[in-house]
Amino acid sequence: MKNLFSKERWKYLFYTVSHPSDGFYWIRHQERGSVAIAVLLVILYAIAFSMNRIYASFVVNDIEPRTVNSIAELAGVLMLYFVLCLGNWSITCLMEGEGRFKDILIAIGYSLVPMIITTVLATIVSQGVAENEEAFYTILMGIGTAYSVVMMLIGIMQIHNYTLGKTIVTLFLTIVAVLIIVFLTLLVFNFITQVYTFFRSIYTELIFRF
């Protein structure tokens, strides 16, 4: 565990943010990434996301802070992260991708760094934003999102050794795979719920009869 959070791996994380093409290449070929750090970054993003929804100024935020459930949002972000990684892995296995599941976890997790930084900065900046100055907040959030998307695109391209065109197609199919996984999960959950309700009704009926 100590090796997973070593100083060298943290330094390489920030190298990957500034040099995504080289960074993701060596993560794949020299094991310089860390799944533990990637998951921690996802958790940090979930926290930053919730804090933004709670503490961003009313000028840029119309959400009632008391309605924000940080625990549910953390669970939702983590679930989306793992489903997205699973969807990408399932698609790339069929499209001759070279990346392993752990490489996908690292690539997507590391790609969230710009969004974490800009979300925190935007939340702070929002406190000093006056009406009609929301553009500063929007631009800051947009920069972080755009950089994260670019990093994710480069990361998937490098770890799977894809061309740009094939990477874009893969990401589109990944979204389709995610929707299918979510649909099947809900279907199974609904089936289990119905079976449970059925047997519970039988049990209740037996209790009342005897």
C-alpha atoms as a PDB file:
ATOM      1  CA  MET A   1       0.000   0.000   0.000  1.00  0.00           C
ATOM      2  CA  LYS A   2       2.880   2.342   0.795  1.00  0.00           C
ATOM      3  CA  ASN A   3       4.283   1.784  -2.690  1.00  0.00           C
ATOM      4  CA  LEU A   4       0.895   2.622  -4.242  1.00  0.00           C
ATOM      5  CA  PHE A   5       0.972   6.061  -2.595  1.00  0.00           C
ATOM      6  CA  SER A   6       4.722   6.636  -2.963  1.00  0.00           C
ATOM      7  CA  LYS A   7       6.156  10.096  -3.605  1.00  0.00           C
ATOM      8  CA  GLU A   8       7.358   9.023  -7.058  1.00  0.00           C
ATOM      9  CA  ARG A   9       3.858   7.994  -8.128  1.00  0.00           C
ATOM     10  CA  TRP A  10       2.421  11.340  -6.994  1.00  0.00           C
ATOM     11  CA  LYS A  11       5.154  13.193  -8.871  1.00  0.00           C
ATOM     12  CA  TYR A  12       4.388  11.126 -11.958  1.00  0.00           C
ATOM     13  CA  LEU A  13       0.691  11.976 -11.624  1.00  0.00           C
ATOM     14  CA  PHE A  14       1.456  15.684 -12.052  1.00  0.00           C
ATOM     15  CA  TYR A  15       3.892  14.887 -14.864  1.00  0.00           C
ATOM     16  CA  THR A  16       1.031  13.074 -16.616  1.00  0.00           C
ATOM     17  CA  VAL A  17      -1.234  16.109 -16.189  1.00  0.00           C
ATOM     18  CA  SER A  18       1.341  18.361 -17.883  1.00  0.00           C
ATOM     19  CA  HIS A  19       2.527  15.739 -20.417  1.00  0.00           C
ATOM     20  CA  PRO A  20      -0.497  13.434 -20.931  1.00  0.00           C
ATOM     21  CA  SER A  21       0.764  11.706 -24.082  1.00  0.00           C
ATOM     22  CA  ASP A  22       4.119  10.624 -22.600  1.00  0.00           C
ATOM     23  CA  GLY A  23       2.639  10.128 -19.142  1.00  0.00           C
ATOM     24  CA  PHE A  24      -0.055   7.665 -20.162  1.00  0.00           C
ATOM     25  CA  TYR A  25       2.341   5.833 -22.476  1.00  0.00           C
ATOM     26  CA  TRP A  26       4.764   5.069 -19.635  1.00  0.00           C
ATOM     27  CA  ILE A  27       1.890   4.271 -17.261  1.00  0.00           C
ATOM     28  CA  ARG A  28       0.973   1.472 -19.651  1.00  0.00           C
ATOM     29  CA  HIS A  29       4.479   0.236 -20.446  1.00  0.00           C
ATOM     30  CA  GLN A  30       6.413   0.860 -17.210  1.00  0.00           C
ATOM     31  CA  GLU A  31       3.743   0.473 -14.491  1.00  0.00           C
ATOM     32  CA  ARG A  32       4.176   4.049 -13.252  1.00  0.00           C
ATOM     33  CA  GLY A  33       0.521   4.596 -12.413  1.00  0.00           C
ATOM     34  CA  SER A  34      -1.423   3.712  -9.280  1.00  0.00           C
ATOM     35  CA  VAL A  35      -5.005   2.418  -9.108  1.00  0.00           C
ATOM     36  CA  ALA A  36      -5.203   3.525  -5.473  1.00  0.00           C
ATOM     37  CA  ILE A  37      -4.324   7.117  -6.400  1.00  0.00           C
ATOM     38  CA  ALA A  38      -6.798   7.013  -9.308  1.00  0.00           C
ATOM     39  CA  VAL A  39      -9.650   5.914  -7.021  1.00  0.00           C
ATOM     40  CA  LEU A  40      -8.639   8.552  -4.456  1.00  0.00           C
ATOM     41  CA  LEU A  41      -8.824  11.203  -7.191  1.00  0.00           C
ATOM     42  CA  VAL A  42     -12.347  10.064  -8.062  1.00  0.00           C
ATOM     43  CA  ILE A  43     -13.318  10.429  -4.390  1.00  0.00           C
ATOM     44  CA  LEU A  44     -11.722  13.905  -4.282  1.00  0.00           C
ATOM     45  CA  TYR A  45     -13.672  14.897  -7.386  1.00  0.00           C
ATOM     46  CA  ALA A  46     -16.924  13.681  -5.812  1.00  0.00           C
ATOM     47  CA  ILE A  47     -16.167  15.775  -2.709  1.00  0.00           C
ATOM     48  CA  ALA A  48     -15.271  18.839  -4.806  1.00  0.00           C
ATOM     49  CA  PHE A  49     -18.465  18.358  -6.851  1.00  0.00           C
ATOM     50  CA  SER A  50     -20.647  18.210  -3.731  1.00  0.00           C
ATOM     51  CA  MET A  51     -18.858  21.152  -2.096  1.00  0.00           C
ATOM     52  CA  ASN A  52     -19.418  23.189  -5.250  1.00  0.00           C
ATOM     53  CA  ARG A  53     -23.131  22.419  -5.170  1.00  0.00           C
ATOM     54  CA  ILE A  54     -23.302  23.365  -1.489  1.00  0.00           C
ATOM     55  CA  TYR A  55     -20.969  26.373  -1.221  1.00  0.00           C
ATOM     56  CA  ALA A  56     -20.953  28.011  -4.673  1.00  0.00           C
ATOM     57  CA  SER A  57     -22.467  31.497  -4.597  1.00  0.00           C
ATOM     58  CA  PHE A  58     -26.184  31.875  -5.296  1.00  0.00           C
ATOM     59  CA  VAL A  59     -25.205  34.003  -8.315  1.00  0.00           C
ATOM     60  CA  VAL A  60     -24.009  30.868 -10.141  1.00  0.00           C
ATOM     61  CA  ASN A  61     -25.784  28.172  -8.125  1.00  0.00           C
ATOM     62  CA  ASP A  62     -29.559  27.797  -7.865  1.00  0.00           C
ATOM     63  CA  ILE A  63     -29.416  24.533  -5.896  1.00  0.00           C
ATOM     64  CA  GLU A  64     -30.763  24.456  -2.336  1.00  0.00           C
ATOM     65  CA  PRO A  65     -27.710  23.300  -0.287  1.00  0.00           C
ATOM     66  CA  ARG A  66     -29.893  21.363   2.186  1.00  0.00           C
ATOM     67  CA  THR A  67     -31.068  19.079  -0.629  1.00  0.00           C
ATOM     68  CA  VAL A  68     -27.515  17.950  -1.472  1.00  0.00           C
ATOM     69  CA  ASN A  69     -26.709  14.442  -0.231  1.00  0.00           C
ATOM     70  CA  SER A  70     -22.906  14.222  -0.361  1.00  0.00           C
ATOM     71  CA  ILE A  71     -22.798  10.508   0.518  1.00  0.00           C
ATOM     72  CA  ALA A  72     -25.234   9.604  -2.253  1.00  0.00           C
ATOM     73  CA  GLU A  73     -23.308  11.750  -4.733  1.00  0.00           C
ATOM     74  CA  LEU A  74     -20.021  10.117  -3.704  1.00  0.00           C
ATOM     75  CA  ALA A  75     -21.546   6.666  -4.230  1.00  0.00           C
ATOM     76  CA  GLY A  76     -22.980   7.787  -7.569  1.00  0.00           C
ATOM     77  CA  VAL A  77     -19.657   9.162  -8.839  1.00  0.00           C
ATOM     78  CA  LEU A  78     -17.779   6.014  -7.787  1.00  0.00           C
ATOM     79  CA  MET A  79     -20.396   3.791  -9.394  1.00  0.00           C
ATOM     80  CA  LEU A  80     -20.306   5.792 -12.628  1.00  0.00           C
ATOM     81  CA  TYR A  81     -16.496   5.621 -12.613  1.00  0.00           C
ATOM     82  CA  PHE A  82     -16.374   1.840 -12.297  1.00  0.00           C
ATOM     83  CA  VAL A  83     -19.197   1.303 -14.804  1.00  0.00           C
ATOM     84  CA  LEU A  84     -17.450   3.623 -17.287  1.00  0.00           C
ATOM     85  CA  CYS A  85     -14.193   1.702 -16.866  1.00  0.00           C
ATOM     86  CA  LEU A  86     -16.002  -1.627 -17.194  1.00  0.00           C
ATOM     87  CA  GLY A  87     -17.810  -0.417 -20.308  1.00  0.00           C
ATOM     88  CA  ASN A  88     -14.567   0.746 -21.914  1.00  0.00           C
ATOM     89  CA  TRP A  89     -12.793  -2.499 -21.023  1.00  0.00           C
ATOM     90  CA  SER A  90     -15.602  -4.612 -22.494  1.00  0.00           C
ATOM     91  CA  ILE A  91     -15.559  -2.630 -25.757  1.00  0.00           C
ATOM     92  CA  THR A  92     -11.774  -2.486 -26.145  1.00  0.00           C
ATOM     93  CA  CYS A  93     -11.493  -6.241 -25.550  1.00  0.00           C
ATOM     94  CA  LEU A  94     -13.557  -6.662 -28.727  1.00  0.00           C
ATOM     95  CA  MET A  95     -11.579  -3.998 -30.621  1.00  0.00           C
ATOM     96  CA  GLU A  96      -8.052  -5.293 -30.012  1.00  0.00           C
ATOM     97  CA  GLY A  97      -7.240  -2.786 -27.283  1.00  0.00           C
ATOM     98  CA  GLU A  98      -3.920  -3.357 -25.500  1.00  0.00           C
ATOM     99  CA  GLY A  99      -4.875  -1.721 -22.215  1.00  0.00           C
ATOM    100  CA  ARG A 100      -5.730  -3.712 -19.114  1.00  0.00           C
ATOM    101  CA  PHE A 101      -8.609  -2.929 -16.773  1.00  0.00           C
ATOM    102  CA  LYS A 102      -6.199  -1.364 -14.255  1.00  0.00           C
ATOM    103  CA  ASP A 103      -4.792   0.890 -17.009  1.00  0.00           C
ATOM    104  CA  ILE A 104      -8.301   2.133 -17.782  1.00  0.00           C
ATOM    105  CA  LEU A 105      -8.955   2.802 -14.089  1.00  0.00           C
ATOM    106  CA  ILE A 106      -5.753   4.850 -13.903  1.00  0.00           C
ATOM    107  CA  ALA A 107      -6.318   6.745 -17.170  1.00  0.00           C
ATOM    108  CA  ILE A 108      -9.835   7.873 -16.278  1.00  0.00           C
ATOM    109  CA  GLY A 109      -8.966   8.592 -12.634  1.00  0.00           C
ATOM    110  CA  TYR A 110      -5.912  10.686 -13.510  1.00  0.00           C
ATOM    111  CA  SER A 111      -7.931  12.592 -16.111  1.00  0.00           C
ATOM    112  CA  LEU A 112     -10.072  14.086 -13.344  1.00  0.00           C
ATOM    113  CA  VAL A 113      -7.234  16.192 -11.888  1.00  0.00           C
ATOM    114  CA  PRO A 114      -8.022  19.337 -13.963  1.00  0.00           C
ATOM    115  CA  MET A 115     -11.697  19.110 -13.012  1.00  0.00           C
ATOM    116  CA  ILE A 116     -10.842  18.717  -9.320  1.00  0.00           C
ATOM    117  CA  ILE A 117      -8.602  21.796  -9.380  1.00  0.00           C
ATOM    118  CA  THR A 118     -10.942  24.012 -11.392  1.00  0.00           C
ATOM    119  CA  THR A 119     -14.037  22.945  -9.437  1.00  0.00           C
ATOM    120  CA  VAL A 120     -12.375  23.982  -6.168  1.00  0.00           C
ATOM    121  CA  LEU A 121     -11.100  27.240  -7.708  1.00  0.00           C
ATOM    122  CA  ALA A 122     -14.495  27.991  -9.276  1.00  0.00           C
ATOM    123  CA  THR A 123     -16.231  27.462  -5.929  1.00  0.00           C
ATOM    124  CA  ILE A 124     -13.851  29.967  -4.319  1.00  0.00           C
ATOM    125  CA  VAL A 125     -14.110  32.442  -7.220  1.00  0.00           C
ATOM    126  CA  SER A 126     -17.916  32.262  -7.115  1.00  0.00           C
ATOM    127  CA  GLN A 127     -17.860  33.946  -3.714  1.00  0.00           C
ATOM    128  CA  GLY A 128     -16.551  37.133  -5.297  1.00  0.00           C
ATOM    129  CA  VAL A 129     -18.562  37.025  -8.508  1.00  0.00           C
ATOM    130  CA  ALA A 130     -21.194  39.712  -8.887  1.00  0.00           C
ATOM    131  CA  GLU A 131     -24.307  39.506 -11.011  1.00  0.00           C
ATOM    132  CA  ASN A 132     -23.530  39.517 -14.771  1.00  0.00           C
ATOM    133  CA  GLU A 133     -20.014  38.203 -14.035  1.00  0.00           C
ATOM    134  CA  GLU A 134     -20.935  34.513 -14.141  1.00  0.00           C
ATOM    135  CA  ALA A 135     -18.785  34.126 -17.269  1.00  0.00           C
ATOM    136  CA  PHE A 136     -15.619  33.943 -15.139  1.00  0.00           C
ATOM    137  CA  TYR A 137     -17.049  30.996 -13.231  1.00  0.00           C
ATOM    138  CA  THR A 138     -18.340  29.295 -16.383  1.00  0.00           C
ATOM    139  CA  ILE A 139     -15.033  29.708 -18.241  1.00  0.00           C
ATOM    140  CA  LEU A 140     -13.074  28.267 -15.311  1.00  0.00           C
ATOM    141  CA  MET A 141     -15.341  25.220 -15.101  1.00  0.00           C
ATOM    142  CA  GLY A 142     -15.248  24.854 -18.882  1.00  0.00           C
ATOM    143  CA  ILE A 143     -11.440  24.874 -18.991  1.00  0.00           C
ATOM    144  CA  GLY A 144     -11.219  22.118 -16.390  1.00  0.00           C
ATOM    145  CA  THR A 145     -13.837  19.972 -18.118  1.00  0.00           C
ATOM    146  CA  ALA A 146     -12.227  20.427 -21.546  1.00  0.00           C
ATOM    147  CA  TYR A 147      -8.753  19.566 -20.244  1.00  0.00           C
ATOM    148  CA  SER A 148     -10.079  16.464 -18.471  1.00  0.00           C
ATOM    149  CA  VAL A 149     -11.847  15.302 -21.653  1.00  0.00           C
ATOM    150  CA  VAL A 150      -8.650  15.806 -23.670  1.00  0.00           C
ATOM    151  CA  MET A 151      -6.624  13.918 -21.059  1.00  0.00           C
ATOM    152  CA  MET A 152      -9.126  11.053 -21.081  1.00  0.00           C
ATOM    153  CA  LEU A 153      -9.037  10.936 -24.871  1.00  0.00           C
ATOM    154  CA  ILE A 154      -5.225  10.833 -24.918  1.00  0.00           C
ATOM    155  CA  GLY A 155      -5.139   8.323 -22.069  1.00  0.00           C
ATOM    156  CA  ILE A 156      -7.479   5.852 -23.783  1.00  0.00           C
ATOM    157  CA  MET A 157      -5.620   6.334 -27.060  1.00  0.00           C
ATOM    158  CA  GLN A 158      -2.212   5.635 -25.501  1.00  0.00           C
ATOM    159  CA  ILE A 159      -3.039   2.682 -23.274  1.00  0.00           C
ATOM    160  CA  HIS A 160      -4.895   0.871 -26.056  1.00  0.00           C
ATOM    161  CA  ASN A 161      -2.493   1.965 -28.820  1.00  0.00           C
ATOM    162  CA  TYR A 162      -5.370   3.370 -30.891  1.00  0.00           C
ATOM    163  CA  THR A 163      -5.549   6.082 -33.520  1.00  0.00           C
ATOM    164  CA  LEU A 164      -7.541   9.208 -32.672  1.00  0.00           C
ATOM    165  CA  GLY A 165     -10.441   8.129 -34.872  1.00  0.00           C
ATOM    166  CA  LYS A 166     -10.636   4.677 -33.326  1.00  0.00           C
ATOM    167  CA  THR A 167     -10.445   6.199 -29.845  1.00  0.00           C
ATOM    168  CA  ILE A 168     -13.432   8.468 -30.527  1.00  0.00           C
ATOM    169  CA  VAL A 169     -15.436   5.520 -31.878  1.00  0.00           C
ATOM    170  CA  THR A 170     -14.438   3.476 -28.826  1.00  0.00           C
ATOM    171  CA  LEU A 171     -15.570   6.189 -26.419  1.00  0.00           C
ATOM    172  CA  PHE A 172     -18.934   6.438 -28.213  1.00  0.00           C
ATOM    173  CA  LEU A 173     -19.367   2.661 -27.946  1.00  0.00           C
ATOM    174  CA  THR A 174     -18.284   2.869 -24.298  1.00  0.00           C
ATOM    175  CA  ILE A 175     -21.221   5.192 -23.585  1.00  0.00           C
ATOM    176  CA  VAL A 176     -23.528   2.700 -25.301  1.00  0.00           C
ATOM    177  CA  ALA A 177     -22.025  -0.117 -23.210  1.00  0.00           C
ATOM    178  CA  VAL A 178     -22.546   1.918 -20.018  1.00  0.00           C
ATOM    179  CA  LEU A 179     -26.226   2.420 -20.876  1.00  0.00           C
ATOM    180  CA  ILE A 180     -26.606  -1.312 -21.522  1.00  0.00           C
ATOM    181  CA  ILE A 181     -24.893  -2.191 -18.218  1.00  0.00           C
ATOM    182  CA  VAL A 182     -27.124   0.246 -16.310  1.00  0.00           C
ATOM    183  CA  PHE A 183     -30.241  -1.118 -18.044  1.00  0.00           C
ATOM    184  CA  LEU A 184     -29.328  -4.746 -17.277  1.00  0.00           C
ATOM    185  CA  THR A 185     -28.462  -3.866 -13.673  1.00  0.00           C
ATOM    186  CA  LEU A 186     -31.833  -2.171 -13.175  1.00  0.00           C
ATOM    187  CA  LEU A 187     -33.540  -5.128 -14.848  1.00  0.00           C
ATOM    188  CA  VAL A 188     -31.845  -7.635 -12.521  1.00  0.00           C
ATOM    189  CA  PHE A 189     -32.531  -5.444  -9.482  1.00  0.00           C
ATOM    190  CA  ASN A 190     -36.203  -5.177 -10.452  1.00  0.00           C
ATOM    191  CA  PHE A 191     -36.400  -8.962 -10.945  1.00  0.00           C
ATOM    192  CA  ILE A 192     -34.817  -9.633  -7.541  1.00  0.00           C
ATOM    193  CA  THR A 193     -37.207  -7.139  -5.928  1.00  0.00           C
ATOM    194  CA  GLN A 194     -40.219  -8.864  -7.490  1.00  0.00           C
ATOM    195  CA  VAL A 195     -39.013 -12.326  -6.407  1.00  0.00           C
ATOM    196  CA  TYR A 196     -38.448 -11.034  -2.873  1.00  0.00           C
ATOM    197  CA  THR A 197     -41.910  -9.444  -2.797  1.00  0.00           C
ATOM    198  CA  PHE A 198     -43.477 -12.656  -4.103  1.00  0.00           C
ATOM    199  CA  PHE A 199     -41.892 -14.891  -1.441  1.00  0.00           C
ATOM    200  CA  ARG A 200     -42.571 -12.347   1.282  1.00  0.00           C
ATOM    201  CA  SER A 201     -46.258 -12.266   0.345  1.00  0.00           C
ATOM    202  CA  ILE A 202     -46.347 -16.086   0.519  1.00  0.00           C
ATOM    203  CA  TYR A 203     -44.634 -16.014   3.905  1.00  0.00           C
ATOM    204  CA  THR A 204     -47.062 -13.371   5.189  1.00  0.00           C
ATOM    205  CA  GLU A 205     -50.029 -15.373   3.918  1.00  0.00           C
ATOM    206  CA  LEU A 206     -48.773 -18.527   5.653  1.00  0.00           C
ATOM    207  CA  ILE A 207     -48.233 -16.659   8.914  1.00  0.00           C
ATOM    208  CA  PHE A 208     -51.793 -15.322   8.900  1.00  0.00           C
ATOM    209  CA  ARG A 209     -53.296 -18.697   7.993  1.00  0.00           C
ATOM    210  CA  PHE A 210     -51.443 -20.696  10.601  1.00  0.00           C
END
